[in-house]
């Protein structure tokens, strides 16, 4: 899987739950609530003051090491 800014957070977490700490680190502490799981990565980054492109890069690097 390759993460993009347009992907929904729930989709990323369902595909690989080891990505959860990265979301928690950016300030998303309620990953189980439907509102956060339904946001796109870009929307969540904007709300939490995180650069979406950097987050995409970090997640893709992590996923590349996992598989």
PDB file of N, CA and C in Angstrom:
ATOM      1  N   UNK A   1       0.837  -1.179   0.000  1.00  0.00           N
ATOM      2  CA  UNK A   1       0.000   0.000   0.000  1.00  0.00           C
ATOM      3  C   UNK A   1       0.882   1.243   0.000  1.00  0.00           C
ATOM      4  N   UNK A   2       0.472   2.222  -0.773  1.00  0.00           N
ATOM      5  CA  UNK A   2       1.141   3.508  -0.779  1.00  0.00           C
ATOM      6  C   UNK A   2       0.135   4.542  -0.278  1.00  0.00           C
ATOM      7  N   UNK A   3       0.519   5.270   0.761  1.00  0.00           N
ATOM      8  CA  UNK A   3      -0.346   6.273   1.364  1.00  0.00           C
ATOM      9  C   UNK A   3      -0.312   7.555   0.539  1.00  0.00           C
ATOM     10  N   UNK A   4      -1.494   8.160   0.370  1.00  0.00           N
ATOM     11  CA  UNK A   4      -1.600   9.464  -0.269  1.00  0.00           C
ATOM     12  C   UNK A   4      -2.362  10.397   0.665  1.00  0.00           C
ATOM     13  N   UNK A   5      -2.303  11.694   0.385  1.00  0.00           N
ATOM     14  CA  UNK A   5      -2.996  12.690   1.210  1.00  0.00           C
ATOM     15  C   UNK A   5      -4.504  12.524   1.160  1.00  0.00           C
ATOM     16  N   UNK A   6      -5.006  11.945   0.095  1.00  0.00           N
ATOM     17  CA  UNK A   6      -6.447  11.818  -0.089  1.00  0.00           C
ATOM     18  C   UNK A   6      -7.040  10.590   0.589  1.00  0.00           C
ATOM     19  N   UNK A   7      -6.192   9.706   1.094  1.00  0.00           N
ATOM     20  CA  UNK A   7      -6.691   8.492   1.740  1.00  0.00           C
ATOM     21  C   UNK A   7      -7.372   8.831   3.060  1.00  0.00           C
ATOM     22  N   UNK A   8      -8.390   8.053   3.375  1.00  0.00           N
ATOM     23  CA  UNK A   8      -9.111   8.208   4.636  1.00  0.00           C
ATOM     24  C   UNK A   8      -8.312   7.500   5.729  1.00  0.00           C
ATOM     25  N   UNK A   9      -8.246   8.129   6.885  1.00  0.00           N
ATOM     26  CA  UNK A   9      -7.425   7.605   7.979  1.00  0.00           C
ATOM     27  C   UNK A   9      -7.842   6.184   8.374  1.00  0.00           C
ATOM     28  N   UNK A  10      -9.135   5.939   8.414  1.00  0.00           N
ATOM     29  CA  UNK A  10      -9.611   4.598   8.749  1.00  0.00           C
ATOM     30  C   UNK A  10      -9.084   3.547   7.789  1.00  0.00           C
ATOM     31  N   UNK A  11      -8.987   3.901   6.518  1.00  0.00           N
ATOM     32  CA  UNK A  11      -8.468   2.992   5.494  1.00  0.00           C
ATOM     33  C   UNK A  11      -6.993   2.660   5.762  1.00  0.00           C
ATOM     34  N   UNK A  12      -6.229   3.667   6.142  1.00  0.00           N
ATOM     35  CA  UNK A  12      -4.804   3.467   6.436  1.00  0.00           C
ATOM     36  C   UNK A  12      -4.647   2.578   7.664  1.00  0.00           C
ATOM     37  N   UNK A  13      -5.402   2.881   8.712  1.00  0.00           N
ATOM     38  CA  UNK A  13      -5.316   2.100   9.954  1.00  0.00           C
ATOM     39  C   UNK A  13      -5.771   0.662   9.754  1.00  0.00           C
ATOM     40  N   UNK A  14      -6.829   0.466   8.965  1.00  0.00           N
ATOM     41  CA  UNK A  14      -7.314  -0.892   8.708  1.00  0.00           C
ATOM     42  C   UNK A  14      -6.298  -1.701   7.912  1.00  0.00           C
ATOM     43  N   UNK A  15      -5.598  -1.044   7.005  1.00  0.00           N
ATOM     44  CA  UNK A  15      -4.601  -1.737   6.175  1.00  0.00           C
ATOM     45  C   UNK A  15      -3.369  -2.119   6.989  1.00  0.00           C
ATOM     46  N   UNK A  16      -2.994  -1.255   7.952  1.00  0.00           N
ATOM     47  CA  UNK A  16      -1.814  -1.538   8.774  1.00  0.00           C
ATOM     48  C   UNK A  16      -1.920  -0.765  10.084  1.00  0.00           C
ATOM     49  N   UNK A  17      -2.300  -1.471  11.128  1.00  0.00           N
ATOM     50  CA  UNK A  17      -2.514  -0.821  12.428  1.00  0.00           C
ATOM     51  C   UNK A  17      -1.217  -0.304  13.050  1.00  0.00           C
ATOM     52  N   UNK A  18      -0.077  -0.715  12.517  1.00  0.00           N
ATOM     53  CA  UNK A  18       1.194  -0.219  13.074  1.00  0.00           C
ATOM     54  C   UNK A  18       1.419   1.252  12.748  1.00  0.00           C
ATOM     55  N   UNK A  19       0.530   1.844  11.934  1.00  0.00           N
ATOM     56  CA  UNK A  19       0.633   3.275  11.634  1.00  0.00           C
ATOM     57  C   UNK A  19       0.015   4.136  12.737  1.00  0.00           C
ATOM     58  N   UNK A  20      -0.753   3.539  13.640  1.00  0.00           N
ATOM     59  CA  UNK A  20      -1.459   4.291  14.690  1.00  0.00           C
ATOM     60  C   UNK A  20      -0.556   5.225  15.488  1.00  0.00           C
ATOM     61  N   UNK A  21       0.636   4.792  15.931  1.00  0.00           N
ATOM     62  CA  UNK A  21       1.477   5.705  16.708  1.00  0.00           C
ATOM     63  C   UNK A  21       1.828   7.006  15.985  1.00  0.00           C
ATOM     64  N   UNK A  22       1.896   6.975  14.669  1.00  0.00           N
ATOM     65  CA  UNK A  22       2.209   8.191  13.913  1.00  0.00           C
ATOM     66  C   UNK A  22       1.060   9.194  14.003  1.00  0.00           C
ATOM     67  N   UNK A  23      -0.160   8.673  14.000  1.00  0.00           N
ATOM     68  CA  UNK A  23      -1.324   9.553  14.139  1.00  0.00           C
ATOM     69  C   UNK A  23      -1.418  10.103  15.561  1.00  0.00           C
ATOM     70  N   UNK A  24      -1.153   9.262  16.530  1.00  0.00           N
ATOM     71  CA  UNK A  24      -1.184   9.694  17.928  1.00  0.00           C
ATOM     72  C   UNK A  24      -0.116  10.759  18.157  1.00  0.00           C
ATOM     73  N   UNK A  25       1.051  10.554  17.574  1.00  0.00           N
ATOM     74  CA  UNK A  25       2.160  11.504  17.703  1.00  0.00           C
ATOM     75  C   UNK A  25       1.795  12.878  17.147  1.00  0.00           C
ATOM     76  N   UNK A  26       0.958  12.927  16.111  1.00  0.00           N
ATOM     77  CA  UNK A  26       0.574  14.213  15.545  1.00  0.00           C
ATOM     78  C   UNK A  26      -0.594  14.845  16.281  1.00  0.00           C
ATOM     79  N   UNK A  27      -1.095  14.175  17.317  1.00  0.00           N
ATOM     80  CA  UNK A  27      -2.149  14.757  18.142  1.00  0.00           C
ATOM     81  C   UNK A  27      -3.524  14.155  17.953  1.00  0.00           C
ATOM     82  N   UNK A  28      -3.625  13.120  17.146  1.00  0.00           N
ATOM     83  CA  UNK A  28      -4.912  12.449  16.958  1.00  0.00           C
ATOM     84  C   UNK A  28      -5.052  11.347  18.003  1.00  0.00           C
ATOM     85  N   UNK A  29      -5.631  11.700  19.137  1.00  0.00           N
ATOM     86  CA  UNK A  29      -5.699  10.749  20.248  1.00  0.00           C
ATOM     87  C   UNK A  29      -6.972   9.915  20.247  1.00  0.00           C
ATOM     88  N   UNK A  30      -7.926  10.248  19.399  1.00  0.00           N
ATOM     89  CA  UNK A  30      -9.174   9.473  19.383  1.00  0.00           C
ATOM     90  C   UNK A  30      -9.322   8.752  18.050  1.00  0.00           C
ATOM     91  N   UNK A  31      -8.391   7.875  17.760  1.00  0.00           N
ATOM     92  CA  UNK A  31      -8.390   7.183  16.471  1.00  0.00           C
ATOM     93  C   UNK A  31      -9.595   6.269  16.293  1.00  0.00           C
ATOM     94  N   UNK A  32     -10.229   5.890  17.379  1.00  0.00           N
ATOM     95  CA  UNK A  32     -11.384   5.011  17.278  1.00  0.00           C
ATOM     96  C   UNK A  32     -12.672   5.736  16.971  1.00  0.00           C
ATOM     97  N   UNK A  33     -12.705   7.061  17.132  1.00  0.00           N
ATOM     98  CA  UNK A  33     -13.976   7.755  16.914  1.00  0.00           C
ATOM     99  C   UNK A  33     -14.233   7.913  15.418  1.00  0.00           C
ATOM    100  N   UNK A  34     -15.495   7.762  15.029  1.00  0.00           N
ATOM    101  CA  UNK A  34     -15.838   7.792  13.597  1.00  0.00           C
ATOM    102  C   UNK A  34     -15.408   9.072  12.885  1.00  0.00           C
ATOM    103  N   UNK A  35     -15.451  10.190  13.565  1.00  0.00           N
ATOM    104  CA  UNK A  35     -15.085  11.449  12.911  1.00  0.00           C
ATOM    105  C   UNK A  35     -13.631  11.428  12.459  1.00  0.00           C
ATOM    106  N   UNK A  36     -12.734  10.977  13.318  1.00  0.00           N
ATOM    107  CA  UNK A  36     -11.320  10.971  12.941  1.00  0.00           C
ATOM    108  C   UNK A  36     -11.028   9.902  11.901  1.00  0.00           C
ATOM    109  N   UNK A  37     -11.680   8.767  11.983  1.00  0.00           N
ATOM    110  CA  UNK A  37     -11.447   7.693  11.012  1.00  0.00           C
ATOM    111  C   UNK A  37     -11.973   8.059   9.632  1.00  0.00           C
ATOM    112  N   UNK A  38     -12.919   9.000   9.555  1.00  0.00           N
ATOM    113  CA  UNK A  38     -13.512   9.379   8.282  1.00  0.00           C
ATOM    114  C   UNK A  38     -12.837  10.541   7.592  1.00  0.00           C
ATOM    115  N   UNK A  39     -11.870  11.161   8.270  1.00  0.00           N
ATOM    116  CA  UNK A  39     -11.148  12.290   7.679  1.00  0.00           C
ATOM    117  C   UNK A  39     -10.092  11.794   6.706  1.00  0.00           C
ATOM    118  N   UNK A  40      -9.804  12.619   5.714  1.00  0.00           N
ATOM    119  CA  UNK A  40      -8.666  12.300   4.853  1.00  0.00           C
ATOM    120  C   UNK A  40      -7.396  12.654   5.621  1.00  0.00           C
ATOM    121  N   UNK A  41      -6.314  12.087   5.207  1.00  0.00           N
ATOM    122  CA  UNK A  41      -5.033  12.385   5.848  1.00  0.00           C
ATOM    123  C   UNK A  41      -4.736  13.878   5.745  1.00  0.00           C
ATOM    124  N   UNK A  42      -5.031  14.461   4.601  1.00  0.00           N
ATOM    125  CA  UNK A  42      -4.776  15.888   4.398  1.00  0.00           C
ATOM    126  C   UNK A  42      -5.618  16.741   5.353  1.00  0.00           C
ATOM    127  N   UNK A  43      -6.892  16.382   5.539  1.00  0.00           N
ATOM    128  CA  UNK A  43      -7.764  17.122   6.462  1.00  0.00           C
ATOM    129  C   UNK A  43      -7.255  17.028   7.897  1.00  0.00           C
ATOM    130  N   UNK A  44      -6.882  15.836   8.311  1.00  0.00           N
ATOM    131  CA  UNK A  44      -6.401  15.638   9.673  1.00  0.00           C
ATOM    132  C   UNK A  44      -5.114  16.415   9.917  1.00  0.00           C
ATOM    133  N   UNK A  45      -4.228  16.401   8.953  1.00  0.00           N
ATOM    134  CA  UNK A  45      -2.970  17.145   9.086  1.00  0.00           C
ATOM    135  C   UNK A  45      -3.242  18.635   9.219  1.00  0.00           C
ATOM    136  N   UNK A  46      -4.180  19.151   8.434  1.00  0.00           N
ATOM    137  CA  UNK A  46      -4.508  20.574   8.487  1.00  0.00           C
ATOM    138  C   UNK A  46      -5.031  20.949   9.867  1.00  0.00           C
ATOM    139  N   UNK A  47      -5.904  20.125  10.426  1.00  0.00           N
ATOM    140  CA  UNK A  47      -6.490  20.394  11.748  1.00  0.00           C
ATOM    141  C   UNK A  47      -5.423  20.359  12.845  1.00  0.00           C
ATOM    142  N   UNK A  48      -4.458  19.473  12.692  1.00  0.00           N
ATOM    143  CA  UNK A  48      -3.449  19.278  13.733  1.00  0.00           C
ATOM    144  C   UNK A  48      -2.125  19.993  13.462  1.00  0.00           C
ATOM    145  N   UNK A  49      -2.089  20.830  12.422  1.00  0.00           N
ATOM    146  CA  UNK A  49      -0.899  21.622  12.149  1.00  0.00           C
ATOM    147  C   UNK A  49       0.304  20.819  11.709  1.00  0.00           C
ATOM    148  N   UNK A  50       0.051  19.758  10.966  1.00  0.00           N
ATOM    149  CA  UNK A  50       1.127  18.887  10.483  1.00  0.00           C
ATOM    150  C   UNK A  50       1.193  19.012   8.962  1.00  0.00           C
ATOM    151  N   UNK A  51       2.396  19.036   8.419  1.00  0.00           N
ATOM    152  CA  UNK A  51       2.571  19.079   6.970  1.00  0.00           C
ATOM    153  C   UNK A  51       2.148  17.733   6.380  1.00  0.00           C
ATOM    154  N   UNK A  52       1.133  17.748   5.537  1.00  0.00           N
ATOM    155  CA  UNK A  52       0.580  16.512   4.972  1.00  0.00           C
ATOM    156  C   UNK A  52       1.605  15.760   4.132  1.00  0.00           C
ATOM    157  N   UNK A  53       2.414  16.484   3.368  1.00  0.00           N
ATOM    158  CA  UNK A  53       3.420  15.820   2.529  1.00  0.00           C
ATOM    159  C   UNK A  53       4.452  15.098   3.386  1.00  0.00           C
ATOM    160  N   UNK A  54       4.847  15.713   4.487  1.00  0.00           N
ATOM    161  CA  UNK A  54       5.808  15.066   5.389  1.00  0.00           C
ATOM    162  C   UNK A  54       5.199  13.819   6.023  1.00  0.00           C
ATOM    163  N   UNK A  55       3.927  13.911   6.414  1.00  0.00           N
ATOM    164  CA  UNK A  55       3.253  12.767   7.031  1.00  0.00           C
ATOM    165  C   UNK A  55       3.145  11.614   6.041  1.00  0.00           C
ATOM    166  N   UNK A  56       2.821  11.920   4.797  1.00  0.00           N
ATOM    167  CA  UNK A  56       2.747  10.893   3.756  1.00  0.00           C
ATOM    168  C   UNK A  56       4.106  10.208   3.615  1.00  0.00           C
ATOM    169  N   UNK A  57       5.149  10.995   3.595  1.00  0.00           N
ATOM    170  CA  UNK A  57       6.498  10.433   3.451  1.00  0.00           C
ATOM    171  C   UNK A  57       6.860   9.533   4.630  1.00  0.00           C
ATOM    172  N   UNK A  58       6.571   9.997   5.840  1.00  0.00           N
ATOM    173  CA  UNK A  58       6.883   9.217   7.047  1.00  0.00           C
ATOM    174  C   UNK A  58       6.110   7.896   7.040  1.00  0.00           C
ATOM    175  N   UNK A  59       4.820   7.964   6.736  1.00  0.00           N
ATOM    176  CA  UNK A  59       4.007   6.740   6.721  1.00  0.00           C
ATOM    177  C   UNK A  59       4.476   5.774   5.651  1.00  0.00           C
ATOM    178  N   UNK A  60       4.796   6.273   4.465  1.00  0.00           N
ATOM    179  CA  UNK A  60       5.250   5.385   3.391  1.00  0.00           C
ATOM    180  C   UNK A  60       6.608   4.763   3.703  1.00  0.00           C
ATOM    181  N   UNK A  61       7.488   5.517   4.352  1.00  0.00           N
ATOM    182  CA  UNK A  61       8.776   4.945   4.764  1.00  0.00           C
ATOM    183  C   UNK A  61       8.549   3.834   5.792  1.00  0.00           C
ATOM    184  N   UNK A  62       7.662   4.084   6.739  1.00  0.00           N
ATOM    185  CA  UNK A  62       7.342   3.079   7.754  1.00  0.00           C
ATOM    186  C   UNK A  62       6.775   1.824   7.107  1.00  0.00           C
ATOM    187  N   UNK A  63       5.811   1.998   6.220  1.00  0.00           N
ATOM    188  CA  UNK A  63       5.170   0.855   5.580  1.00  0.00           C
ATOM    189  C   UNK A  63       6.152   0.076   4.717  1.00  0.00           C
ATOM    190  N   UNK A  64       7.072   0.750   4.078  1.00  0.00           N
ATOM    191  CA  UNK A  64       8.075   0.057   3.254  1.00  0.00           C
ATOM    192  C   UNK A  64       8.949  -0.856   4.100  1.00  0.00           C
ATOM    193  N   UNK A  65       9.207  -0.446   5.342  1.00  0.00           N
ATOM    194  CA  UNK A  65      10.025  -1.270   6.253  1.00  0.00           C
ATOM    195  C   UNK A  65       9.242  -2.453   6.806  1.00  0.00           C
ATOM    196  N   UNK A  66       7.925  -2.317   6.872  1.00  0.00           N
ATOM    197  CA  UNK A  66       7.076  -3.360   7.447  1.00  0.00           C
ATOM    198  C   UNK A  66       6.924  -4.555   6.515  1.00  0.00           C
ATOM    199  N   UNK A  67       6.942  -4.300   5.227  1.00  0.00           N
ATOM    200  CA  UNK A  67       6.584  -5.380   4.279  1.00  0.00           C
ATOM    201  C   UNK A  67       7.716  -5.731   3.428  1.00  0.00           C
TER     202      UNK A  67
END
